[in-house]
Amino acid sequence: MSAGLRIAVELAAAVAVGTGIGIVLDRWLGTAPWLLIVFFLVGSAAGFLNVYRVGQEIDRRARERKAAGGK
């Protein structure tokens, strides 16, 4: 999987999961829209953290290739 696609999937999946959890909990507890908002924000934060981690991994691999004399 290319790096750009992986980053997009990581971000979208985290936001979708957070939003889904918020919707389910709001329906179950009758708190609409508060848990949706909270879990959307939590999912977004998790998505950005995942993107940051993927970026760090890509950078580390690029530095290792450069140190090894590769492209």
Protein backbone atom coordinates (compact mmCIF):
# COMPACT_ATOMS: atom_id res chain seq x y z
CA MET A 1 0.00 0.00 0.00
CA SER A 2 1.40 3.41 -0.88
CA ALA A 3 2.18 5.86 1.88
CA GLY A 4 -0.44 8.37 0.76
CA LEU A 5 -3.18 5.77 0.63
CA ARG A 6 -2.19 4.37 4.02
CA ILE A 7 -2.33 7.84 5.58
CA ALA A 8 -5.77 8.49 4.08
CA VAL A 9 -7.12 5.14 5.28
CA GLU A 10 -5.70 5.63 8.79
CA LEU A 11 -7.33 9.04 9.13
CA ALA A 12 -10.67 8.10 7.59
CA ALA A 13 -10.97 4.88 9.59
CA ALA A 14 -10.29 6.56 12.93
CA VAL A 15 -12.84 9.31 12.24
CA ALA A 16 -15.43 6.78 11.02
CA VAL A 17 -14.99 4.53 14.06
CA GLY A 18 -15.19 7.45 16.48
CA THR A 19 -18.28 8.81 14.77
CA GLY A 20 -19.91 5.39 14.70
CA ILE A 21 -19.32 4.85 18.40
CA GLY A 22 -20.75 8.30 19.13
CA ILE A 23 -23.90 7.62 17.10
CA VAL A 24 -24.49 4.25 18.75
CA LEU A 25 -23.97 5.61 22.27
CA ASP A 26 -26.20 8.63 21.58
CA ARG A 27 -29.04 6.38 20.42
CA TRP A 28 -28.58 4.03 23.36
CA LEU A 29 -28.30 6.73 26.04
CA GLY A 30 -30.47 9.41 24.42
CA THR A 31 -27.77 12.06 24.66
CA ALA A 32 -27.78 13.25 21.02
CA PRO A 33 -25.68 14.94 19.73
CA TRP A 34 -23.17 15.21 22.58
CA LEU A 35 -21.49 11.82 22.42
CA LEU A 36 -21.36 12.04 18.64
CA ILE A 37 -19.43 15.30 18.95
CA VAL A 38 -17.12 13.95 21.66
CA PHE A 39 -16.31 10.72 19.85
CA PHE A 40 -15.91 12.52 16.51
CA LEU A 41 -13.24 14.68 18.17
CA VAL A 42 -11.63 11.66 19.82
CA GLY A 43 -11.62 9.80 16.51
CA SER A 44 -10.13 12.81 14.74
CA ALA A 45 -7.39 13.10 17.34
CA ALA A 46 -6.65 9.39 17.05
CA GLY A 47 -6.56 9.69 13.27
CA PHE A 48 -4.07 12.54 13.37
CA LEU A 49 -1.95 10.61 15.86
CA ASN A 50 -1.95 7.63 13.50
CA VAL A 51 -0.96 9.89 10.59
CA TYR A 52 1.89 11.29 12.68
CA ARG A 53 3.10 7.78 13.52
CA VAL A 54 2.95 6.69 9.87
CA GLY A 55 4.89 9.80 8.91
CA GLN A 56 7.54 9.01 11.50
CA GLU A 57 7.80 5.45 10.19
CA ILE A 58 8.15 6.64 6.59
CA ASP A 59 10.83 9.13 7.63
CA ARG A 60 12.73 6.48 9.61
CA ARG A 61 12.71 4.10 6.64
CA ALA A 62 13.90 6.85 4.29
CA ARG A 63 16.77 7.72 6.64
CA GLU A 64 17.76 4.05 6.91
CA ARG A 65 17.80 3.70 3.11
CA LYS A 66 19.85 6.88 2.79
CA ALA A 67 22.33 5.70 5.44
CA ALA A 68 22.67 2.37 3.65
CA GLY A 69 23.52 4.20 0.42
CA GLY A 70 20.28 3.27 -1.27
CA LYS A 71 17.75 5.43 -2.97
